[in-house]
Every structure is written in C-alpha cells, then in structure tokens.
Amino acid sequence: MSASRSEITDAPGAGGREPGPPGADLLAALLDGMDAALCAFDAAGVVTHWNREAERILGWSAREAVGRRGFAGWAVRSADAAEVQGRLMAAMDAPGRQVHEFALLRKDGGRVLVRTQSARVLGADGKPAGVYCAFSEVHTQIDLERSIALSEALFDEASWGVVLVDVDLRPAVVNGEAARALGAGRTSALGRPLGELLEQGVEELEGALHHVLAEGAPRGLVDLWVAVASADGREQRRCWRSGFVRLASPLAEEPVPLGVGWLFHDVTDAKLAEQEANRLRFRTSQLHRAGRAASECEDPLEAATAYLDFALAGFADHALLDVTEGGGRDSGGAGSGGSEGGGERLVRAVASPAGAPGPAAGVAGGGLPVRYAPGHPALQAVERLGSVRASVGAEGTPGEWAERRQWPEDAAHALCTVLRSRGRTVGVLTFLRGAARPAFESPDAVYAESVAVLTASALDLAQSTGD
C-alpha cells in the first residue's frame, strides 16, 4: 500500500494504461482478485486504488474512479460528501481500523448501503500517507455475520447434538450436547474413529455418512439406533433422530467435499413409547381375533389351541400346553416333582412344531406325564400361581439348557404361566424364544397371563365335557 499513485494508476486493471514499474502487474492482480471491494486515497483524498469488486458493486470502472478527489459528485450525494470524506480520512489520525456505514451511489443512480473498514497507510518515512478502505454491501455482511452467529450458536447453545465429520469420518468439531450424548469431552472426541465412541450402530452411521459424501444428504431425517457406554461401563441403547448436510468449500471452482454436518436429537423415550403402543395394539388385536376364531370351534381343546396360535405371532417361537392329569387341583401345586412326586401330574396336550414355525397341534400319543425335574419353571409357576421367567444365562449352551428342561433345543428364554379356572389349576402354558430374541420382560408376562385366562377357560370346558 506504500506504492505511489503513479505506480497504481499505470497498472493494468487499475487505470487501463501501459504497465508501470516491476510489481505493478502483481499488485493489480492481487487487488482485482480480492473478494472485498477496495479503494484507497492518498493524503490529499485522491483515489489511488479501485478493484474489480468495487466496480461490480458501484458500477464505476477503475479508469473512471482513479484520480478523482473523494466521492463527491459521483459515488455519494453532494449533501453527504463532506461527512463521508471526513470520516474516511479521519483514519489517518487514528491507529487501527475504523468501521462505518455509508449510502453510496451506483453509476446507474441507485443507492447501496455499504459497511466500510478503513485504516491509514504509512509511507516510507513512517508518516501517514493515505487511507485504504475495504467495503461490502451491508446485506452481504449481515448474511456473513448471521452465518457466523448461527455456527457459534449451534456449537455452544443448541439442544441438538452437532458434529462436523471430516472426509475420513472422524469428528472435527463437536458441540456440548453431542459430547454429552457420546460420553466424551468436546476435545477428546476430536479425530477419533467413530468406532471408539459408539459400541453399536457404527456401521449404519458410517454408511449414512458415506452416502452423504458421495450423493448428498437424504431428503428426510433418519432414526439411528446406537449403543454408547455409560459412566459405569454398561451399554445404553439410544435412538438418535439424525439429519445430514454435505459441506463443500465455497472457494473452489467445483464443489469439493469438506465433510458432513451431522445433527441429531435423542428420541429414545418417544421411540420406545411408540413401539410399546404398537406392540400393545397388535397384541390386543390378536386376542380379539383369537376370541372370534375360538368361538367357531366345536371342540374346546381346539379353541385353546387357537388361542396359542394367535398368541405366538410376534411374541414367541414355541408354545407348549401342559394340562393337569385328573381334572385339576383346588389349590396351587402339581405334586412334589412332576411325575415323580405324589399328587396330580402335568401331561403334554398341545405343542407348536419344534423344527419350523407352524400352527400348534395336539401331541400324538399324548397322555403320558411330562417328566419335569424338581424346580422346573413350569412347576414353579404352578406352585406360585403366577408366571415364571427363565433364560439360559451362564448355564451352559442353549441346547443343553433346553434339553434338561425338555424344551426344543433352540430355546434360550422361557415364560411359564399357570392356567387357572373356577379356582382350580388346570395346566401350565409355556412360551419359548430363541437366542436371537430378547428375554421375556414384565409386559410379556402380563400378555401371557391374558392368553392364559382364555386358554384356561377353554381347557376347563374341555375337561368338564370330557368327564
């Protein structure tokens, strides 16, 4: 900026004349390549610099602008010229930058509000030799400030988790909400593979990020189930409703991916409530359908089998129906140990296919007592007059665990519930799940007991008519 006025006005693009001393071409190219409009004044207020962005905003070319004294009569209204010139040239007497807003005139007569930053230029002797002024349209500056403010708000105050992921799928910036969700600090999460931050769900997340980098963001939000380690080391399964945006450099001629902006919000509670509502609605519908199907059965035992068929759908892999031998007991209990103890024993009446899914059916050659060992979950259900849940746990392999209890070999989780009718125990209903499915929980026991009430009534009727 210490170049003389003649050097600048002789530079191509600054005045359109023949090239001046060495370096003038480079200086002109640098000025014209700037994104901000720039002009400069010497100590007398004469324009010495005028780049292409200034020409774009105001319409005045460098040839028309350079050499004029101030803005009066061409780039500003006459009534405002003295004030504008005085405020710009005041930068010569003050260190640092001065920021002002002015209404300037375009060549076509229109007005444009600009925000300027001006500062003094020192000569070779160290004394003020002029002023340079960079300016841009106010709305452009406001848009930039809004973008910066939005970025800062997202990373400081947003209730959504926000993570900027680079092209190597490593977090580059993490806001406070995202750091809390990931169980890591805002700085400790940076640069780490996502597999170190998530216990489960990494493949789905990385797949979504790869898709965004390659093809752009999906049109809607995506629900991702992940598992993160809690403070006590246990896994917490969470559902994050996620949105993605591809980040590209605004400075490149063609879009160059810089990474992905990942925004997410924890919707686990709402998702679980929705799933539970859907499950309850489905199970209620199944009970209603089972009741209608059972009402058309002439044989009460066939009606009991219909209840099992409808209950199995989406609930369990196998169902077993054991009835008390001799018409039931007046109180809980099935002897001291199945077929070995005194008292009435349990006899297998209905079972679903053990090898593949299919309708439950009566057991061929039934009538022989089931040899349950003492402490068997079915016997416990009879003794307690309620439901008993059991899982394989650490008791060997699922096949060995199920074989000892005389269940299909793929069983890993069991739910046994007693069948009661007219104050008597008439049997036990057992539902079984494989290892690929979750263990039975309290809501499952409630549903099984609802099925047991209907099944017990049909079974009691079958025993009564049989007598």
Protein backbone atom coordinates (compact mmCIF):
# COMPACT_ATOMS: atom_id res chain seq x y z
CA MET A 1 0.00 0.00 0.00
CA SER A 2 3.05 2.29 0.10
CA ALA A 3 3.27 2.34 -3.71
CA SER A 4 2.95 5.76 -5.29
CA ARG A 5 -0.14 6.94 -7.09
CA SER A 6 1.58 6.75 -10.49
CA GLU A 7 2.51 3.11 -9.92
CA ILE A 8 -1.11 2.17 -9.20
CA THR A 9 -2.72 4.17 -11.99
CA ASP A 10 -0.29 2.74 -14.53
CA ALA A 11 -1.13 -0.88 -13.50
CA PRO A 12 -3.48 -2.79 -15.84
CA GLY A 13 -6.94 -3.09 -14.30
CA ALA A 14 -6.33 -0.09 -12.04
CA GLY A 15 -6.41 2.52 -14.75
CA GLY A 16 -6.06 0.79 -18.09
CA ARG A 17 -2.71 2.41 -19.02
CA GLU A 18 0.59 0.86 -20.00
CA PRO A 19 2.33 -1.25 -17.35
CA GLY A 20 4.35 0.66 -14.80
CA PRO A 21 7.39 -0.38 -12.77
CA PRO A 22 8.01 -4.07 -11.92
CA GLY A 23 5.45 -5.36 -9.37
CA ALA A 24 2.59 -3.23 -10.65
CA ASP A 25 1.04 -6.14 -12.56
CA LEU A 26 1.20 -8.36 -9.48
CA LEU A 27 -0.31 -5.68 -7.26
CA ALA A 28 -3.13 -5.05 -9.71
CA ALA A 29 -3.85 -8.78 -9.96
CA LEU A 30 -3.95 -9.12 -6.18
CA LEU A 31 -6.32 -6.19 -5.84
CA ASP A 32 -8.64 -7.44 -8.58
CA GLY A 33 -8.71 -10.97 -7.13
CA MET A 34 -9.98 -9.86 -3.73
CA ASP A 35 -13.49 -10.85 -2.65
CA ALA A 36 -14.00 -7.50 -0.92
CA ALA A 37 -14.29 -4.15 -2.67
CA LEU A 38 -11.23 -1.99 -2.05
CA CYS A 39 -10.31 1.57 -2.75
CA ALA A 40 -7.55 3.80 -1.42
CA PHE A 41 -6.87 7.50 -1.09
CA ASP A 42 -3.65 9.43 -0.84
CA ALA A 43 -3.10 12.08 1.83
CA ALA A 44 -4.98 14.61 -0.30
CA GLY A 45 -8.04 12.38 -0.61
CA VAL A 46 -7.45 11.38 -4.26
CA VAL A 47 -8.47 7.85 -5.25
CA THR A 48 -5.40 5.73 -6.00
CA HIS A 49 -6.83 2.20 -5.93
CA TRP A 50 -10.09 0.72 -7.23
CA ASN A 51 -10.51 -3.03 -7.71
CA ARG A 52 -12.97 -5.09 -9.72
CA GLU A 53 -15.25 -5.87 -6.74
CA ALA A 54 -15.67 -2.13 -6.14
CA GLU A 55 -16.57 -1.81 -9.81
CA ARG A 56 -19.10 -4.65 -9.50
CA ILE A 57 -20.85 -3.07 -6.51
CA LEU A 58 -20.94 0.56 -7.70
CA GLY A 59 -20.58 0.23 -11.48
CA TRP A 60 -17.69 2.69 -11.77
CA SER A 61 -14.62 1.27 -13.50
CA ALA A 62 -11.08 1.76 -12.25
CA ARG A 63 -10.37 4.13 -15.18
CA GLU A 64 -13.34 6.27 -14.11
CA ALA A 65 -12.59 6.19 -10.38
CA VAL A 66 -8.82 6.51 -10.03
CA GLY A 67 -7.69 10.15 -9.96
CA ARG A 68 -10.92 11.61 -8.58
CA ARG A 69 -10.79 13.61 -5.37
CA GLY A 70 -13.09 11.92 -2.85
CA PHE A 71 -16.54 10.59 -3.64
CA ALA A 72 -18.27 13.93 -4.11
CA GLY A 73 -20.34 14.30 -7.25
CA TRP A 74 -20.11 10.69 -8.44
CA ALA A 75 -20.17 7.99 -5.72
CA VAL A 76 -22.02 9.86 -2.97
CA ARG A 77 -24.65 12.56 -2.79
CA SER A 78 -23.31 16.07 -2.58
CA ALA A 79 -25.08 16.66 0.70
CA ASP A 80 -23.28 13.70 2.28
CA ALA A 81 -19.91 14.08 0.57
CA ALA A 82 -18.19 16.19 3.23
CA GLU A 83 -19.26 13.93 6.10
CA VAL A 84 -18.30 10.74 4.26
CA GLN A 85 -14.92 12.11 3.19
CA GLY A 86 -14.20 13.41 6.68
CA ARG A 87 -14.98 10.11 8.37
CA LEU A 88 -12.88 8.14 5.87
CA MET A 89 -9.85 10.41 6.06
CA ALA A 90 -10.07 10.53 9.86
CA ALA A 91 -8.50 7.08 9.81
CA MET A 92 -5.15 8.77 9.02
CA ASP A 93 -5.04 10.18 12.54
CA ALA A 94 -6.15 7.04 14.42
CA PRO A 95 -4.42 3.69 14.77
CA GLY A 96 -6.34 0.50 13.94
CA ARG A 97 -9.42 0.11 11.79
CA GLN A 98 -12.46 2.35 11.68
CA VAL A 99 -15.86 0.84 10.80
CA HIS A 100 -18.61 2.95 9.23
CA GLU A 101 -21.78 2.53 7.20
CA PHE A 102 -22.47 4.82 4.24
CA ALA A 103 -25.02 5.11 1.48
CA LEU A 104 -23.06 5.28 -1.80
CA LEU A 105 -24.30 5.93 -5.32
CA ARG A 106 -24.09 3.45 -8.17
CA LYS A 107 -23.24 4.62 -11.66
CA ASP A 108 -26.86 3.99 -12.69
CA GLY A 109 -28.07 6.34 -9.95
CA GLY A 110 -29.19 3.71 -7.46
CA ARG A 111 -28.11 3.80 -3.85
CA VAL A 112 -26.44 1.00 -1.95
CA LEU A 113 -25.72 0.80 1.77
CA VAL A 114 -22.17 -0.38 2.41
CA ARG A 115 -20.15 -1.19 5.51
CA THR A 116 -16.57 0.07 5.36
CA GLN A 117 -13.39 -0.73 7.22
CA SER A 118 -10.74 1.94 6.79
CA ALA A 119 -7.20 2.26 8.10
CA ARG A 120 -4.24 4.56 7.49
CA VAL A 121 -1.36 3.69 5.19
CA LEU A 122 2.15 4.68 6.33
CA GLY A 123 4.77 5.93 3.90
CA ALA A 124 8.44 5.02 3.75
CA ASP A 125 9.16 7.72 6.35
CA GLY A 126 6.67 6.16 8.78
CA LYS A 127 4.18 9.01 8.45
CA PRO A 128 0.55 8.65 7.29
CA ALA A 129 0.49 8.70 3.50
CA GLY A 130 -3.10 7.84 2.84
CA VAL A 131 -6.08 5.63 3.69
CA TYR A 132 -7.29 2.32 2.33
CA CYS A 133 -10.96 1.38 2.56
CA ALA A 134 -12.48 -2.09 2.16
CA PHE A 135 -16.24 -2.19 1.80
CA SER A 136 -19.09 -4.59 1.07
CA GLU A 137 -22.83 -4.38 0.78
CA VAL A 138 -24.43 -4.35 4.20
CA HIS A 139 -26.82 -7.22 3.43
CA THR A 140 -23.84 -9.36 2.36
CA GLN A 141 -22.03 -8.52 5.57
CA ILE A 142 -25.15 -9.24 7.61
CA ASP A 143 -25.55 -12.61 5.87
CA LEU A 144 -21.96 -13.44 6.78
CA GLU A 145 -22.46 -12.35 10.37
CA ARG A 146 -25.65 -14.40 10.57
CA SER A 147 -23.80 -17.46 9.30
CA ILE A 148 -21.05 -16.97 11.85
CA ALA A 149 -23.59 -16.37 14.63
CA LEU A 150 -25.52 -19.49 13.61
CA SER A 151 -22.36 -21.58 13.68
CA GLU A 152 -21.42 -20.29 17.11
CA ALA A 153 -24.94 -20.86 18.45
CA LEU A 154 -25.04 -24.41 17.11
CA PHE A 155 -21.77 -25.27 18.76
CA ASP A 156 -22.45 -23.51 22.05
CA GLU A 157 -26.19 -23.41 22.79
CA ALA A 158 -28.04 -25.84 20.50
CA SER A 159 -30.23 -28.50 22.12
CA TRP A 160 -29.44 -30.81 19.20
CA GLY A 161 -26.15 -32.64 19.00
CA VAL A 162 -23.98 -31.22 16.23
CA VAL A 163 -20.86 -32.95 14.89
CA LEU A 164 -18.74 -31.94 11.93
CA VAL A 165 -17.21 -35.09 10.46
CA ASP A 166 -14.26 -34.85 8.06
CA VAL A 167 -13.86 -36.90 4.88
CA ASP A 168 -12.07 -39.60 6.92
CA LEU A 169 -15.24 -39.93 9.06
CA ARG A 170 -13.58 -38.55 12.18
CA PRO A 171 -15.17 -35.80 14.29
CA ALA A 172 -13.59 -32.40 13.60
CA VAL A 173 -15.91 -30.26 15.75
CA VAL A 174 -18.33 -31.42 18.46
CA ASN A 175 -20.79 -29.27 20.37
CA GLY A 176 -21.66 -29.70 24.04
CA GLU A 177 -24.88 -31.66 23.52
CA ALA A 178 -23.17 -34.13 21.18
CA ALA A 179 -20.26 -34.57 23.59
CA ARG A 180 -22.67 -35.43 26.42
CA ALA A 181 -24.54 -37.90 24.21
CA LEU A 182 -21.30 -39.59 23.15
CA GLY A 183 -19.99 -39.70 26.71
CA ALA A 184 -16.82 -37.83 25.74
CA GLY A 185 -15.36 -34.37 26.04
CA ARG A 186 -15.62 -31.81 23.24
CA THR A 187 -11.89 -32.03 22.59
CA SER A 188 -11.25 -35.68 23.49
CA ALA A 189 -13.72 -36.83 20.79
CA LEU A 190 -11.90 -34.98 18.01
CA GLY A 191 -10.01 -37.07 15.47
CA ARG A 192 -11.09 -40.40 16.97
CA PRO A 193 -12.71 -43.14 14.86
CA LEU A 194 -16.46 -43.38 15.40
CA GLY A 195 -15.98 -47.00 16.46
CA GLU A 196 -14.21 -45.75 19.60
CA LEU A 197 -17.16 -43.54 20.53
CA LEU A 198 -20.03 -45.96 19.82
CA GLU A 199 -20.42 -49.57 20.95
CA GLN A 200 -23.10 -50.43 18.38
CA GLY A 201 -24.57 -48.76 15.31
CA VAL A 202 -21.23 -47.65 13.84
CA GLU A 203 -21.81 -49.43 10.52
CA GLU A 204 -25.19 -47.75 9.98
CA LEU A 205 -23.81 -44.31 10.87
CA GLU A 206 -20.73 -44.65 8.66
CA GLY A 207 -22.92 -45.91 5.82
CA ALA A 208 -25.08 -42.79 6.10
CA LEU A 209 -22.00 -40.53 6.15
CA HIS A 210 -20.52 -42.25 3.08
CA HIS A 211 -23.84 -41.81 1.26
CA VAL A 212 -23.92 -38.09 2.06
CA LEU A 213 -20.34 -37.57 0.90
CA ALA A 214 -20.99 -39.41 -2.36
CA GLU A 215 -24.54 -38.43 -3.27
CA GLY A 216 -25.69 -35.70 -0.90
CA ALA A 217 -27.97 -35.63 2.11
CA PRO A 218 -31.12 -37.81 2.27
CA ARG A 219 -34.39 -35.96 1.89
CA GLY A 220 -35.69 -36.76 5.38
CA LEU A 221 -34.46 -37.49 8.87
CA VAL A 222 -33.05 -40.89 9.76
CA ASP A 223 -33.53 -42.78 13.04
CA LEU A 224 -30.29 -44.49 14.05
CA TRP A 225 -30.11 -46.98 16.93
CA VAL A 226 -26.74 -46.86 18.63
CA ALA A 227 -25.21 -48.03 21.89
CA VAL A 228 -22.90 -45.86 23.97
CA ALA A 229 -21.01 -46.78 27.10
CA SER A 230 -22.36 -45.18 30.27
CA ALA A 231 -20.24 -43.88 33.12
CA ASP A 232 -20.44 -47.25 34.90
CA GLY A 233 -19.32 -49.12 31.78
CA ARG A 234 -22.74 -50.51 30.82
CA GLU A 235 -24.12 -50.12 27.31
CA GLN A 236 -27.03 -47.76 26.82
CA ARG A 237 -29.07 -48.26 23.66
CA ARG A 238 -30.26 -44.96 22.26
CA CYS A 239 -32.21 -43.82 19.21
CA TRP A 240 -30.89 -40.64 17.59
CA ARG A 241 -33.02 -38.87 15.00
CA SER A 242 -30.36 -37.64 12.62
CA GLY A 243 -30.07 -35.17 9.77
CA PHE A 244 -27.07 -34.74 7.50
CA VAL A 245 -25.71 -31.99 5.27
CA ARG A 246 -22.74 -32.22 2.94
CA LEU A 247 -20.15 -29.50 3.45
CA ALA A 248 -18.39 -28.17 0.35
CA SER A 249 -15.79 -25.45 0.01
CA PRO A 250 -17.24 -22.15 -1.30
CA LEU A 251 -13.79 -21.17 -2.59
CA ALA A 252 -13.34 -23.99 -5.09
CA GLU A 253 -14.49 -23.77 -8.70
CA GLU A 254 -16.16 -27.17 -8.34
CA PRO A 255 -17.72 -28.47 -5.09
CA VAL A 256 -15.04 -30.13 -3.02
CA PRO A 257 -16.39 -32.12 -0.03
CA LEU A 258 -15.01 -30.91 3.26
CA GLY A 259 -17.01 -33.39 5.32
CA VAL A 260 -20.50 -33.83 6.70
CA GLY A 261 -22.52 -31.90 9.23
CA TRP A 262 -24.37 -34.39 11.43
CA LEU A 263 -27.20 -33.11 13.60
CA PHE A 264 -29.04 -35.48 15.92
CA HIS A 265 -31.57 -35.49 18.72
CA ASP A 266 -32.25 -38.25 21.25
CA VAL A 267 -35.75 -39.67 20.70
CA THR A 268 -35.27 -42.93 22.60
CA ASP A 269 -38.12 -42.40 25.06
CA ALA A 270 -40.58 -41.41 22.34
CA LYS A 271 -39.46 -44.29 20.13
CA LEU A 272 -39.81 -46.86 22.91
CA ALA A 273 -43.24 -45.50 23.81
CA GLU A 274 -44.27 -45.73 20.16
CA GLN A 275 -43.00 -49.30 19.92
CA GLU A 276 -44.80 -50.26 23.11
CA ALA A 277 -48.05 -48.70 21.87
CA ASN A 278 -47.75 -50.57 18.57
CA ARG A 279 -46.99 -53.82 20.39
CA LEU A 280 -49.96 -53.39 22.72
CA ARG A 281 -52.23 -52.55 19.80
CA PHE A 282 -51.09 -55.65 17.91
CA ARG A 283 -51.48 -57.95 20.90
CA THR A 284 -54.94 -56.63 21.65
CA SER A 285 -55.88 -57.25 18.03
CA GLN A 286 -54.51 -60.80 18.24
CA LEU A 287 -56.55 -61.55 21.35
CA HIS A 288 -59.67 -60.22 19.63
CA ARG A 289 -59.03 -62.34 16.55
CA ALA A 290 -58.26 -65.37 18.71
CA GLY A 291 -61.55 -64.96 20.55
CA ARG A 292 -63.51 -64.84 17.31
CA ALA A 293 -61.69 -67.90 15.94
CA ALA A 294 -62.17 -69.85 19.18
CA SER A 295 -65.89 -69.09 19.22
CA GLU A 296 -66.26 -71.05 15.99
CA CYS A 297 -64.56 -74.17 17.39
CA GLU A 298 -66.83 -77.03 18.46
CA ASP A 299 -64.04 -78.74 20.41
CA PRO A 300 -62.93 -76.72 23.48
CA LEU A 301 -59.38 -78.09 23.18
CA GLU A 302 -59.29 -76.87 19.59
CA ALA A 303 -60.35 -73.43 20.88
CA ALA A 304 -57.48 -73.49 23.40
CA THR A 305 -55.12 -74.34 20.54
CA ALA A 306 -56.43 -71.37 18.55
CA TYR A 307 -55.51 -69.03 21.39
CA LEU A 308 -51.94 -70.35 21.30
CA ASP A 309 -51.64 -69.90 17.54
CA PHE A 310 -52.67 -66.27 17.66
CA ALA A 311 -50.54 -65.56 20.74
CA LEU A 312 -47.38 -66.92 19.11
CA ALA A 313 -47.35 -64.32 16.30
CA GLY A 314 -44.55 -61.86 17.03
CA PHE A 315 -44.39 -62.98 20.65
CA ALA A 316 -42.53 -66.29 20.87
CA ASP A 317 -41.06 -69.07 18.76
CA HIS A 318 -42.72 -72.03 20.52
CA ALA A 319 -45.69 -72.69 22.78
CA LEU A 320 -46.37 -75.71 24.98
CA LEU A 321 -49.62 -76.57 26.76
CA ASP A 322 -49.42 -78.97 29.71
CA VAL A 323 -52.64 -79.93 31.48
CA THR A 324 -53.13 -81.36 34.97
CA GLU A 325 -53.94 -85.02 34.98
CA GLY A 326 -57.28 -85.79 36.58
CA GLY A 327 -59.16 -82.57 36.04
CA GLY A 328 -57.17 -80.03 38.00
CA ARG A 329 -56.47 -79.13 41.62
CA ASP A 330 -58.28 -76.87 44.01
CA SER A 331 -55.07 -75.14 45.04
CA GLY A 332 -51.71 -74.37 43.51
CA GLY A 333 -49.21 -77.17 43.16
CA ALA A 334 -48.53 -80.09 40.92
CA GLY A 335 -47.08 -82.57 43.31
CA SER A 336 -43.59 -82.57 44.67
CA GLY A 337 -41.77 -83.09 41.42
CA GLY A 338 -43.78 -83.65 38.29
CA SER A 339 -44.23 -87.31 37.51
CA GLU A 340 -42.06 -88.46 40.38
CA GLY A 341 -43.94 -86.90 43.27
CA GLY A 342 -47.35 -87.55 44.72
CA GLY A 343 -50.40 -85.63 43.55
CA GLU A 344 -51.56 -84.79 40.09
CA ARG A 345 -49.11 -84.52 37.27
CA LEU A 346 -48.70 -82.45 34.08
CA VAL A 347 -49.45 -84.05 30.73
CA ARG A 348 -48.40 -82.51 27.38
CA ALA A 349 -51.58 -81.73 25.40
CA VAL A 350 -50.56 -79.22 22.69
CA ALA A 351 -47.22 -78.11 21.23
CA SER A 352 -46.12 -75.94 18.33
CA PRO A 353 -43.75 -77.57 15.81
CA ALA A 354 -40.20 -77.78 17.16
CA GLY A 355 -38.38 -77.68 13.82
CA ALA A 356 -40.08 -74.81 11.98
CA PRO A 357 -42.86 -72.27 12.53
CA GLY A 358 -46.35 -73.61 12.17
CA PRO A 359 -49.69 -73.98 13.92
CA ALA A 360 -49.85 -75.62 17.32
CA ALA A 361 -51.39 -79.09 17.38
CA GLY A 362 -52.23 -81.85 19.77
CA VAL A 363 -49.43 -84.21 20.74
CA ALA A 364 -49.66 -87.62 19.11
CA GLY A 365 -49.83 -90.40 21.68
CA GLY A 366 -50.49 -87.96 24.50
CA GLY A 367 -51.48 -88.98 27.97
CA LEU A 368 -48.04 -89.71 29.39
CA PRO A 369 -46.90 -87.37 32.18
CA VAL A 370 -44.11 -84.90 31.37
CA ARG A 371 -41.07 -85.80 33.45
CA TYR A 372 -40.20 -82.36 34.73
CA ALA A 373 -37.42 -82.31 37.33
CA PRO A 374 -38.00 -80.57 40.68
CA GLY A 375 -37.56 -76.82 40.36
CA HIS A 376 -38.62 -76.77 36.73
CA PRO A 377 -40.08 -73.32 35.76
CA ALA A 378 -43.43 -74.91 34.85
CA LEU A 379 -43.70 -76.49 38.30
CA GLN A 380 -42.67 -73.21 39.92
CA ALA A 381 -45.47 -71.43 38.06
CA VAL A 382 -47.97 -73.96 39.45
CA GLU A 383 -46.63 -73.57 42.96
CA ARG A 384 -46.67 -69.76 42.82
CA LEU A 385 -49.99 -69.47 40.94
CA GLY A 386 -48.35 -66.97 38.62
CA SER A 387 -45.70 -66.54 35.96
CA VAL A 388 -42.05 -67.55 35.98
CA ARG A 389 -39.39 -66.27 33.56
CA ALA A 390 -36.12 -68.07 32.84
CA SER A 391 -33.16 -67.63 30.49
CA VAL A 392 -30.14 -69.72 29.66
CA GLY A 393 -27.70 -67.25 31.24
CA ALA A 394 -24.42 -68.93 32.20
CA GLU A 395 -25.96 -72.40 32.47
CA GLY A 396 -24.07 -73.89 29.52
CA THR A 397 -25.22 -73.76 25.90
CA PRO A 398 -28.87 -73.12 24.93
CA GLY A 399 -29.18 -76.69 23.62
CA GLU A 400 -28.08 -78.28 26.91
CA TRP A 401 -30.16 -75.84 28.94
CA ALA A 402 -33.29 -76.59 26.90
CA GLU A 403 -32.70 -80.36 26.82
CA ARG A 404 -32.60 -80.57 30.61
CA ARG A 405 -35.99 -78.88 30.72
CA GLN A 406 -37.48 -80.96 27.88
CA TRP A 407 -37.91 -77.98 25.58
CA PRO A 408 -36.95 -77.57 21.88
CA GLU A 409 -33.16 -77.33 21.57
CA ASP A 410 -33.16 -73.77 20.16
CA ALA A 411 -34.97 -72.38 23.24
CA ALA A 412 -32.99 -69.79 25.22
CA HIS A 413 -35.73 -67.83 27.03
CA ALA A 414 -38.88 -69.19 28.68
CA LEU A 415 -42.06 -67.79 30.19
CA CYS A 416 -44.30 -70.22 32.12
CA THR A 417 -47.68 -69.14 33.43
CA VAL A 418 -50.27 -71.13 35.34
CA LEU A 419 -53.73 -71.84 33.92
CA ARG A 420 -56.49 -71.22 36.46
CA SER A 421 -60.25 -71.64 36.05
CA ARG A 422 -63.02 -71.76 38.68
CA GLY A 423 -60.41 -71.61 41.43
CA ARG A 424 -58.54 -74.64 40.11
CA THR A 425 -55.20 -75.16 38.39
CA VAL A 426 -55.92 -76.81 35.05
CA GLY A 427 -52.45 -76.64 33.48
CA VAL A 428 -49.38 -74.61 32.56
CA LEU A 429 -48.72 -72.58 29.43
CA THR A 430 -45.08 -72.17 28.31
CA PHE A 431 -43.76 -69.72 25.70
CA LEU A 432 -40.20 -70.09 24.38
CA ARG A 433 -37.87 -67.79 22.46
CA GLY A 434 -34.58 -68.48 20.68
CA ALA A 435 -31.22 -66.90 21.47
CA ALA A 436 -31.62 -64.31 18.72
CA ARG A 437 -34.58 -62.74 20.52
CA PRO A 438 -34.62 -60.79 23.80
CA ALA A 439 -35.60 -62.33 27.10
CA PHE A 440 -39.18 -62.08 28.30
CA GLU A 441 -39.97 -58.99 30.37
CA SER A 442 -42.77 -57.96 32.73
CA PRO A 443 -45.10 -56.66 29.95
CA ASP A 444 -44.68 -60.02 28.22
CA ALA A 445 -45.78 -61.82 31.38
CA VAL A 446 -48.93 -59.66 31.51
CA TYR A 447 -49.76 -60.58 27.93
CA ALA A 448 -49.09 -64.28 28.58
CA GLU A 449 -51.41 -64.19 31.59
CA SER A 450 -54.15 -62.65 29.41
CA VAL A 451 -53.75 -65.52 26.96
CA ALA A 452 -53.69 -67.97 29.88
CA VAL A 453 -57.08 -66.76 31.16
CA LEU A 454 -58.73 -67.50 27.81
CA THR A 455 -56.86 -70.77 27.35
CA ALA A 456 -57.73 -71.94 30.87
CA SER A 457 -61.44 -71.34 30.30
CA ALA A 458 -61.40 -73.38 27.08
CA LEU A 459 -59.31 -76.10 28.72
CA ASP A 460 -61.62 -76.28 31.74
CA LEU A 461 -64.57 -76.66 29.40
CA ALA A 462 -62.76 -79.44 27.56
CA GLN A 463 -62.04 -81.27 30.81
CA SER A 464 -65.64 -80.79 32.00
CA THR A 465 -67.17 -82.14 28.81
CA GLY A 466 -64.64 -84.97 28.82
CA ASP A 467 -65.70 -86.01 32.26
